[in-house]
Protein backbone atom coordinates (compact mmCIF):
# COMPACT_ATOMS: atom_id res chain seq x y z
CA MET A 1 -31.74 -5.82 77.72
CA LYS A 2 -32.78 -5.06 81.17
CA HIS A 3 -35.35 -7.48 82.26
CA LEU A 4 -38.49 -5.34 83.76
CA LYS A 5 -40.98 -7.49 85.63
CA ILE A 6 -44.12 -6.16 87.34
CA GLN A 7 -44.78 -7.74 90.88
CA GLY A 8 -47.81 -10.13 89.95
CA SER A 9 -50.23 -8.92 87.50
CA ALA A 10 -53.54 -10.82 87.10
CA PHE A 11 -54.15 -8.66 83.90
CA ALA A 12 -50.93 -9.77 82.54
CA LEU A 13 -52.33 -13.48 82.50
CA LEU A 14 -55.11 -12.10 79.68
CA PRO A 15 -53.21 -13.37 76.61
CA PHE A 16 -53.14 -16.87 78.20
CA PHE A 17 -56.74 -16.72 78.82
CA VAL A 18 -57.46 -15.74 75.36
CA PHE A 19 -55.63 -18.73 74.21
CA ILE A 20 -57.21 -20.96 76.33
CA PHE A 21 -60.69 -19.75 75.78
CA THR A 22 -60.15 -19.49 72.06
CA PHE A 23 -59.13 -23.16 72.09
CA LEU A 24 -61.96 -24.54 74.19
CA GLY A 25 -64.55 -22.21 72.81
CA ALA A 26 -63.65 -23.51 69.00
CA GLY A 27 -64.06 -27.01 70.23
CA ILE A 28 -67.12 -26.53 72.31
CA VAL A 29 -68.69 -24.83 68.89
CA LEU A 30 -67.43 -27.28 66.38
CA ASN A 31 -67.79 -30.28 68.82
CA ASP A 32 -64.23 -30.83 67.84
CA PHE A 33 -61.50 -29.93 70.28
CA TYR A 34 -58.87 -30.49 67.44
CA ALA A 35 -60.62 -28.76 64.82
CA LEU A 36 -59.04 -25.20 65.44
CA PRO A 37 -55.19 -25.62 64.91
CA SER A 38 -53.64 -24.95 68.68
CA PRO A 39 -50.86 -23.05 67.12
CA VAL A 40 -53.50 -20.54 65.51
CA ALA A 41 -55.06 -20.12 68.93
CA VAL A 42 -51.86 -19.53 71.00
CA THR A 43 -50.82 -16.97 68.28
CA LEU A 44 -54.20 -15.06 69.04
CA GLY A 45 -52.79 -15.00 72.64
CA ILE A 46 -49.53 -13.60 71.25
CA ILE A 47 -51.10 -10.94 69.51
CA VAL A 48 -53.19 -9.86 72.56
CA ALA A 49 -50.09 -9.69 74.75
CA PHE A 50 -48.39 -7.11 72.10
CA ILE A 51 -51.49 -5.07 72.10
CA ILE A 52 -52.02 -4.79 75.69
CA PHE A 53 -48.36 -5.11 77.35
CA LYS A 54 -45.98 -2.12 77.63
CA HIS A 55 -42.61 -1.76 76.53
CA SER A 56 -41.80 -0.91 72.92
CA THR A 57 -42.47 -3.35 69.98
CA GLU A 58 -38.85 -4.38 69.74
CA GLN A 59 -38.56 -5.19 73.38
CA LYS A 60 -41.73 -7.43 73.20
CA ILE A 61 -40.45 -9.02 69.91
CA ASP A 62 -37.06 -9.56 71.82
CA THR A 63 -38.70 -11.30 74.45
CA LEU A 64 -40.97 -13.46 72.33
CA ILE A 65 -38.02 -14.73 70.37
CA GLN A 66 -35.96 -15.41 73.57
CA GLY A 67 -39.09 -17.40 74.90
CA CYS A 68 -39.41 -19.11 71.51
CA GLY A 69 -35.51 -20.24 71.27
CA ASN A 70 -35.40 -21.41 74.75
CA SER A 71 -32.76 -24.16 75.05
CA GLN A 72 -35.45 -26.23 76.59
CA ILE A 73 -38.06 -25.45 74.11
CA ILE A 74 -35.67 -26.04 71.12
CA THR A 75 -34.48 -29.41 72.79
CA MET A 76 -38.28 -30.36 73.41
CA CYS A 77 -38.93 -29.70 69.78
CA LEU A 78 -36.28 -31.53 68.46
CA ILE A 79 -37.19 -34.59 70.31
CA TYR A 80 -40.81 -34.42 69.03
CA LEU A 81 -39.42 -34.50 65.51
CA PHE A 82 -37.09 -37.65 66.19
CA SER A 83 -40.15 -39.17 68.01
CA GLY A 84 -42.58 -38.78 65.17
CA ALA A 85 -40.06 -40.04 62.72
CA PHE A 86 -39.71 -43.10 64.94
CA ALA A 87 -43.24 -43.76 65.00
CA ALA A 88 -43.88 -43.22 61.27
CA VAL A 89 -41.25 -45.64 60.07
CA THR A 90 -42.01 -48.34 62.66
CA GLN A 91 -45.59 -48.11 61.66
CA ALA A 92 -44.60 -48.47 57.92
CA MET A 93 -42.68 -51.61 58.59
CA GLY A 94 -45.50 -53.34 60.45
CA ALA A 95 -44.49 -52.81 64.09
CA VAL A 96 -47.93 -51.77 65.16
CA ASP A 97 -49.62 -54.53 63.43
CA ALA A 98 -47.17 -57.20 64.81
CA VAL A 99 -47.74 -56.11 68.55
CA VAL A 100 -51.66 -56.20 67.99
CA ASN A 101 -51.53 -59.58 66.08
CA LEU A 102 -49.10 -61.08 68.61
CA GLY A 103 -51.61 -60.27 71.65
CA ILE A 104 -54.98 -60.99 69.73
CA ASN A 105 -53.64 -64.38 68.30
CA ASN A 106 -52.66 -65.67 71.87
CA ILE A 107 -55.71 -64.19 74.03
CA ASP A 108 -58.07 -66.86 75.28
CA THR A 109 -61.78 -65.48 75.01
CA GLU A 110 -62.31 -65.12 78.71
CA TYR A 111 -59.20 -62.97 79.02
CA PHE A 112 -60.08 -60.47 76.45
CA PRO A 113 -60.16 -57.21 78.88
CA LEU A 114 -56.96 -58.37 80.31
CA GLY A 115 -55.17 -59.15 76.91
CA ILE A 116 -56.32 -55.54 75.55
CA PHE A 117 -55.14 -53.79 78.78
CA LEU A 118 -51.68 -55.45 78.22
CA ILE A 119 -51.64 -54.98 74.53
CA ALA A 120 -52.54 -51.20 74.69
CA SER A 121 -50.01 -50.65 77.69
CA PHE A 122 -47.16 -52.02 75.43
CA LEU A 123 -48.14 -50.28 72.31
CA SER A 124 -48.73 -46.95 73.72
CA THR A 125 -45.46 -47.26 75.89
CA ALA A 126 -43.62 -48.13 72.51
CA THR A 127 -45.21 -45.64 70.23
CA GLY A 128 -45.63 -42.91 72.89
CA THR A 129 -49.25 -41.94 71.86
CA SER A 130 -52.60 -43.26 73.49
CA VAL A 131 -54.71 -41.87 70.57
CA GLY A 132 -52.67 -44.24 68.37
CA SER A 133 -53.02 -47.23 70.58
CA ILE A 134 -56.67 -46.47 70.63
CA VAL A 135 -57.05 -46.08 66.94
CA ALA A 136 -55.01 -49.47 66.23
CA LEU A 137 -56.98 -51.37 68.71
CA GLY A 138 -60.47 -49.95 69.12
CA PRO A 139 -62.04 -51.29 66.23
CA ILE A 140 -60.65 -54.94 67.31
CA ALA A 141 -61.38 -54.70 71.00
CA ILE A 142 -65.27 -53.62 70.23
CA SER A 143 -65.60 -56.52 67.62
CA LEU A 144 -64.13 -59.08 70.19
CA ALA A 145 -66.60 -57.78 72.80
CA ASP A 146 -69.62 -58.00 70.10
CA LYS A 147 -68.66 -61.61 69.08
CA SER A 148 -67.72 -63.15 72.41
CA GLY A 149 -70.34 -61.52 74.46
CA ALA A 150 -67.60 -60.34 76.91
CA SER A 151 -68.55 -57.00 78.78
CA MET A 152 -68.03 -54.03 76.13
CA PRO A 153 -67.65 -51.43 78.96
CA LEU A 154 -64.86 -53.46 80.74
CA ILE A 155 -62.92 -54.41 77.47
CA ALA A 156 -63.17 -50.57 76.48
CA GLY A 157 -62.31 -49.32 79.84
CA SER A 158 -59.36 -51.66 79.87
CA LEU A 159 -58.35 -50.18 76.49
CA LEU A 160 -58.52 -46.80 77.76
CA GLY A 161 -56.60 -47.54 80.93
CA GLY A 162 -53.84 -49.36 79.14
CA SER A 163 -53.50 -46.70 76.71
CA MET A 164 -53.12 -44.10 79.29
CA LEU A 165 -50.66 -46.09 81.22
CA GLY A 166 -48.25 -46.55 78.07
CA ASP A 167 -48.83 -42.66 77.24
CA ASN A 168 -47.79 -41.88 80.79
CA LEU A 169 -44.84 -43.95 80.83
CA SER A 170 -43.37 -43.97 77.23
CA ILE A 171 -40.09 -42.03 76.99
CA ILE A 172 -41.10 -40.85 73.49
CA SER A 173 -44.40 -39.52 74.58
CA ASP A 174 -45.45 -35.99 73.93
CA THR A 175 -46.25 -35.76 77.80
CA THR A 176 -42.91 -37.07 78.85
CA ILE A 177 -40.76 -34.99 76.60
CA ALA A 178 -42.75 -31.62 77.69
CA ALA A 179 -42.58 -32.83 81.55
CA THR A 180 -38.91 -33.58 81.55
CA GLN A 181 -37.94 -30.70 79.51
CA SER A 182 -39.93 -28.38 81.51
CA LEU A 183 -38.21 -29.49 84.75
CA GLY A 184 -35.12 -29.99 83.54
CA CYS A 185 -34.52 -33.80 84.19
CA GLU A 186 -33.62 -36.79 82.39
CA MET A 187 -36.23 -39.17 80.81
CA ARG A 188 -34.92 -42.37 82.47
CA ASP A 189 -35.24 -40.71 85.94
CA LYS A 190 -38.74 -39.48 85.32
CA PHE A 191 -39.46 -42.96 83.91
CA LYS A 192 -38.17 -44.84 87.05
CA VAL A 193 -40.12 -42.47 89.48
CA ASN A 194 -43.19 -42.84 87.30
CA LEU A 195 -42.80 -46.59 87.07
CA PHE A 196 -42.57 -46.67 90.81
CA ILE A 197 -45.89 -45.40 91.19
CA ALA A 198 -47.69 -46.87 87.99
CA LEU A 199 -46.32 -50.08 88.43
CA PRO A 200 -48.25 -51.31 91.77
CA ALA A 201 -51.53 -49.46 89.88
CA SER A 202 -51.03 -51.89 86.85
CA ILE A 203 -50.33 -54.78 88.84
CA ILE A 204 -53.51 -54.47 90.95
CA THR A 205 -55.48 -53.93 87.57
CA ILE A 206 -54.03 -56.93 85.93
CA VAL A 207 -55.13 -59.10 89.04
CA LEU A 208 -58.41 -57.83 89.26
CA LEU A 209 -58.78 -58.53 85.48
CA PHE A 210 -57.14 -61.70 85.58
CA TYR A 211 -59.81 -62.55 88.49
CA LEU A 212 -62.81 -61.63 86.34
CA GLY A 213 -61.40 -63.46 83.48
CA LEU A 214 -61.20 -66.68 85.95
CA ASN A 215 -64.64 -66.41 86.94
CA THR A 216 -66.49 -65.39 83.69
CA GLU A 217 -68.62 -67.65 81.38
CA ILE A 218 -68.49 -66.44 77.83
CA SER A 219 -68.97 -68.02 74.57
CA SER A 220 -65.85 -68.92 72.58
CA VAL A 221 -65.01 -67.04 69.46
CA ALA A 222 -62.94 -67.98 66.42
CA ILE A 223 -60.55 -65.18 65.95
CA GLN A 224 -59.09 -64.60 62.61
CA LYS A 225 -55.35 -65.37 62.86
CA GLU A 226 -53.08 -62.67 61.27
CA ASN A 227 -49.45 -63.58 60.10
CA TYR A 228 -46.60 -61.19 62.09
CA GLU A 229 -43.00 -61.25 62.20
CA LEU A 230 -41.60 -60.83 65.88
CA ILE A 231 -38.47 -59.07 64.47
CA ALA A 232 -40.81 -56.10 63.68
CA ILE A 233 -41.33 -55.61 67.31
CA LEU A 234 -37.57 -55.25 68.13
CA PRO A 235 -37.16 -51.32 67.41
CA TYR A 236 -39.95 -50.48 70.04
CA ILE A 237 -37.98 -53.11 72.61
CA LEU A 238 -34.52 -51.65 71.64
CA VAL A 239 -35.63 -48.02 72.16
CA ILE A 240 -37.10 -48.77 75.85
CA VAL A 241 -34.10 -50.59 76.98
CA LEU A 242 -31.71 -47.92 75.44
CA ALA A 243 -33.98 -45.23 77.26
CA VAL A 244 -34.06 -46.92 80.63
CA THR A 245 -30.23 -47.74 80.54
CA GLY A 246 -29.54 -44.14 80.27
CA VAL A 247 -28.52 -43.61 76.43
CA ASN A 248 -29.14 -40.09 75.20
CA VAL A 249 -32.65 -39.69 74.05
CA PHE A 250 -31.33 -38.38 70.49
CA THR A 251 -29.04 -41.44 70.19
CA THR A 252 -31.81 -43.80 71.32
CA LEU A 253 -34.37 -42.28 68.98
CA LEU A 254 -31.97 -42.16 66.03
CA ILE A 255 -30.57 -46.12 66.61
CA GLY A 256 -34.64 -47.00 66.84
CA ILE A 257 -35.23 -45.13 63.52
CA LEU A 258 -32.12 -46.79 61.76
CA VAL A 259 -33.08 -50.47 62.94
CA ALA A 260 -36.43 -50.01 61.95
CA GLY A 261 -35.30 -48.90 58.45
CA VAL A 262 -33.04 -51.93 58.03
CA ILE A 263 -36.06 -54.30 59.01
CA GLY A 264 -38.50 -52.37 56.80
CA PHE A 265 -35.82 -52.49 53.98
CA ALA A 266 -34.97 -56.15 54.48
CA GLY A 267 -38.99 -56.97 54.65
CA ASN A 268 -39.71 -55.07 51.30
CA ASP A 269 -41.91 -52.70 53.38
CA PHE A 270 -40.27 -49.84 51.63
CA THR A 271 -37.17 -48.49 49.51
CA LEU A 272 -34.57 -46.44 50.85
CA LEU A 273 -36.23 -43.44 49.50
CA GLY A 274 -39.43 -44.45 51.06
CA PHE A 275 -37.45 -44.82 54.33
CA THR A 276 -36.55 -41.13 54.09
CA GLN A 277 -40.03 -40.10 53.01
CA LYS A 278 -41.64 -41.89 56.16
CA ILE A 279 -39.15 -39.92 58.16
CA TYR A 280 -40.23 -36.59 56.80
CA GLU A 281 -43.76 -37.74 57.38
CA GLY A 282 -43.06 -38.41 60.70
CA PHE A 283 -41.44 -34.88 61.18
CA LEU A 284 -44.58 -33.45 59.59
CA SER A 285 -46.96 -35.12 62.16
CA MET A 286 -45.19 -33.29 64.78
CA THR A 287 -45.71 -29.88 62.99
CA ASP A 288 -48.76 -28.86 65.40
CA ILE A 289 -46.90 -29.73 68.80
CA PHE A 290 -43.63 -28.42 67.61
CA LEU A 291 -45.34 -24.90 66.70
CA LEU A 292 -47.44 -24.86 69.88
CA SER A 293 -44.36 -25.58 72.16
CA MET A 294 -42.18 -22.88 70.43
CA LEU A 295 -45.16 -20.42 70.40
CA THR A 296 -46.18 -21.08 74.01
CA GLY A 297 -42.62 -20.77 75.07
CA GLY A 298 -42.70 -17.33 73.66
CA LEU A 299 -46.02 -16.26 75.02
CA ALA A 300 -44.89 -17.53 78.62
CA ALA A 301 -41.84 -15.19 78.39
CA LEU A 302 -44.21 -12.36 77.43
CA VAL A 303 -46.46 -13.03 80.44
CA GLU A 304 -43.55 -13.65 82.78
CA LYS A 305 -42.08 -10.29 81.81
CA ALA A 306 -45.58 -8.75 82.44
CA GLY A 307 -45.77 -10.11 85.65
CA GLY A 308 -48.57 -13.00 85.26
CA ILE A 309 -46.24 -15.93 86.20
CA ASP A 310 -45.48 -13.95 89.49
CA TYR A 311 -49.29 -13.69 89.91
CA VAL A 312 -49.90 -17.18 89.57
CA LEU A 313 -46.99 -18.30 91.69
CA ARG A 314 -48.29 -15.94 94.43
CA LYS A 315 -51.72 -17.52 94.52
CA ILE A 316 -50.47 -20.89 94.50
CA LYS A 317 -48.04 -20.37 97.22
CA SER A 318 -50.67 -18.81 99.38
CA LYS A 319 -52.11 -22.31 99.53
CA ILE A 320 -48.86 -24.17 99.88
CA LYS A 321 -47.93 -25.10 103.60
CA SER A 322 -45.49 -28.05 102.94
CA LYS A 323 -43.55 -29.83 100.07
CA LYS A 324 -46.33 -32.30 99.93
CA SER A 325 -49.08 -29.64 99.40
CA ALA A 326 -46.59 -27.93 96.73
CA GLN A 327 -46.75 -31.32 94.72
CA MET A 328 -50.57 -31.37 94.97
CA GLY A 329 -50.62 -27.67 93.89
CA ILE A 330 -48.67 -28.55 90.61
CA GLY A 331 -50.98 -31.60 90.16
CA ALA A 332 -54.02 -29.43 90.72
CA LEU A 333 -52.94 -26.86 88.34
CA VAL A 334 -51.79 -29.05 85.46
CA SER A 335 -55.45 -30.90 85.94
CA ILE A 336 -57.49 -27.78 85.85
CA THR A 337 -55.60 -26.62 82.94
CA ASN A 338 -56.24 -29.87 80.99
CA LEU A 339 -60.04 -29.72 82.26
CA ALA A 340 -60.18 -26.36 80.45
CA ILE A 341 -58.40 -27.46 76.99
CA ALA A 342 -58.68 -31.23 76.78
CA ASN A 343 -55.14 -31.65 75.64
CA ASN A 344 -52.64 -33.03 78.26
CA THR A 345 -49.40 -32.14 76.34
CA VAL A 346 -50.67 -28.45 75.89
CA SER A 347 -51.58 -28.38 79.55
CA ILE A 348 -48.04 -29.57 80.62
CA VAL A 349 -46.46 -27.03 78.15
CA ILE A 350 -48.38 -24.31 79.68
CA THR A 351 -48.03 -25.09 83.19
CA GLY A 352 -44.43 -26.11 83.05
CA ALA A 353 -42.63 -23.01 83.83
CA VAL A 354 -45.00 -22.43 86.92
CA ALA A 355 -44.19 -26.04 88.10
CA LYS A 356 -40.44 -25.52 87.63
CA GLU A 357 -40.62 -22.46 89.57
CA ILE A 358 -42.57 -24.29 92.50
CA ASN A 359 -40.22 -27.06 92.24
CA ASP A 360 -37.12 -24.96 92.94
CA GLU A 361 -38.51 -22.80 95.36
CA TYR A 362 -39.70 -25.86 97.75
CA LYS A 363 -36.54 -27.82 96.67
CA LEU A 364 -38.75 -30.78 95.24
CA SER A 365 -37.25 -33.42 93.01
CA PRO A 366 -37.51 -32.30 89.59
CA LYS A 367 -37.90 -36.21 88.35
CA LYS A 368 -40.77 -36.73 90.87
CA THR A 369 -42.18 -33.05 89.95
CA ALA A 370 -41.93 -34.41 86.09
CA ALA A 371 -43.85 -37.47 87.05
CA ILE A 372 -46.48 -35.76 88.95
CA LEU A 373 -47.23 -33.27 86.07
CA ASP A 374 -47.44 -36.13 83.61
CA ILE A 375 -49.54 -38.41 85.83
CA PHE A 376 -52.25 -35.76 86.73
CA CYS A 377 -52.68 -34.67 83.34
CA CYS A 378 -52.84 -38.11 82.05
CA ILE A 379 -55.63 -39.09 84.84
CA VAL A 380 -57.67 -36.09 83.72
CA GLN A 381 -57.42 -36.66 79.98
CA GLY A 382 -58.24 -40.42 80.52
CA ILE A 383 -61.61 -39.57 82.31
CA LEU A 384 -62.46 -36.36 80.18
CA PRO A 385 -65.71 -36.88 78.55
CA TYR A 386 -64.80 -34.52 75.82
CA GLY A 387 -61.11 -35.64 75.42
CA ALA A 388 -59.86 -37.40 72.28
CA GLN A 389 -59.33 -40.96 73.72
CA VAL A 390 -62.64 -41.10 75.24
CA LEU A 391 -64.46 -39.60 72.03
CA LEU A 392 -62.68 -42.12 69.92
CA ILE A 393 -63.73 -45.46 72.06
CA LEU A 394 -67.20 -44.11 71.91
CA ASN A 395 -66.96 -43.64 68.31
CA PHE A 396 -65.81 -47.03 67.62
CA ALA A 397 -68.66 -48.46 69.70
CA LYS A 398 -71.32 -46.77 67.28
CA GLY A 399 -73.99 -46.15 70.43
CA LYS A 400 -73.58 -49.39 71.94
CA LEU A 401 -71.29 -47.92 74.82
CA ASN A 402 -71.93 -44.49 76.70
CA VAL A 403 -69.53 -42.17 78.48
CA ILE A 404 -70.38 -43.17 82.14
CA GLU A 405 -69.95 -47.03 81.39
CA LEU A 406 -66.55 -46.38 79.61
CA ILE A 407 -65.07 -44.08 82.30
CA SER A 408 -66.44 -45.95 85.16
CA ASN A 409 -64.67 -49.15 83.96
CA ALA A 410 -61.06 -47.77 83.53
CA TRP A 411 -60.20 -48.84 86.73
CA TYR A 412 -56.33 -48.45 86.18
CA ILE A 413 -56.66 -44.54 86.08
CA TYR A 414 -58.39 -44.55 89.39
CA ILE A 415 -56.08 -46.93 90.94
CA LEU A 416 -53.17 -44.96 89.45
CA LEU A 417 -54.81 -41.71 91.24
CA LEU A 418 -54.86 -43.45 94.68
CA PHE A 419 -51.02 -44.39 94.32
CA THR A 420 -49.92 -41.11 93.45
CA ILE A 421 -51.59 -39.22 96.47
CA ILE A 422 -49.94 -41.91 98.51
CA ALA A 423 -46.58 -41.23 96.79
CA ILE A 424 -47.21 -37.46 97.50
CA TYR A 425 -48.13 -37.86 101.37
CA SER A 426 -46.33 -40.86 102.23
CA THR A 427 -42.97 -40.33 103.83
CA ALA A 428 -41.95 -44.01 103.60
CA TRP A 429 -42.84 -44.12 99.95
CA ASP A 430 -40.94 -41.02 99.23
CA LYS A 431 -37.80 -42.91 100.97
CA ARG A 432 -38.17 -46.12 99.00
CA ILE A 433 -38.47 -43.97 95.55
CA ASN A 434 -35.07 -42.48 96.88
CA LYS A 435 -33.59 -45.59 97.63
CA PHE A 436 -34.86 -47.27 94.20
CA LEU A 437 -32.93 -44.38 92.33
CA LYS A 438 -30.24 -44.59 94.82
CA VAL A 439 -30.20 -40.73 95.45
């Protein structure tokens, strides 16, 4: 089939805007940005594309199917399924509770903000979800602040920052999967670049929180000790180690699932049949993002064929003067998209194709571009007043905390932004990253 493409058409972006504003509008009207299923919103965009774009229906169907079936899209979707299964099985065998109890049982009262930051960081890195980390830790963190007299805004901000740190770094996070597959790079390489930027930011945050703990006078509280098994944390550590050492992501997740299954079976957390059911529950938990990624791939193919992607690229390129401004342009693009739809994963899925085009044209490093995509959308998501993470914490606080207090105390997010800008504009930093990666 001959690939016909109009040279840059703003009109061709209309289906994307229908998708974005339907999703955004429903969130505003219903006061819940997750009430309208995102696959339904993107389907409306596809319907509009079929109505307004030229060419025959058969050509448009072919383009849609090619976009949905793109090898990177399908790979992304399969990784989502394995990640969902791993998360479901590890939670069922008590891994999440073990991480939380291990930390809480060993934290001194004055270091609650630091402890919450560290636990949230590890938990969201291991599970790949900031929302899941906040759901697990939110009630505990708020209760600790209430009982101890510690600063609730600081504890809540530490929870938010730590959760976004892990979400950004995790190799099984939706955002990491979307960013690496969009740019065509290895997860371990993106992780190393990401770590080189996030590690200094996290160390500074830890030092600040430690200093505050050292100089804080708050009442001691009795914490109810919960039993936990250290072996329950093994699947998380195993998956992180395997991923960083370069083991294929499918192999890594499969090993993680099997090890978690063996531990859960030995601990009578579930039967063999229950293990398979948990795997399927994990698959089902990824239905929304699976369908969204696949359908967005199809919509992007239709928009690209009509000239919409070319138009966006032309506009962005008119502002780009160097590789550094190209990287900032990619960061700005995904940030603006995230502001519009309040979902960091969806933002990467939508902007991934444009980021890839810019990356290739300006001969950027795919792993660094993937890290920039992930970092910028996580920064925006972490301070978005109508984002799921912020809303969850405010809900747990039950009126004892306002959005300004929460966002202003999420120190890690702002320090991360500073180091990301340094990493983009500092030539010396680039050289250090390349040396670190042995490029």
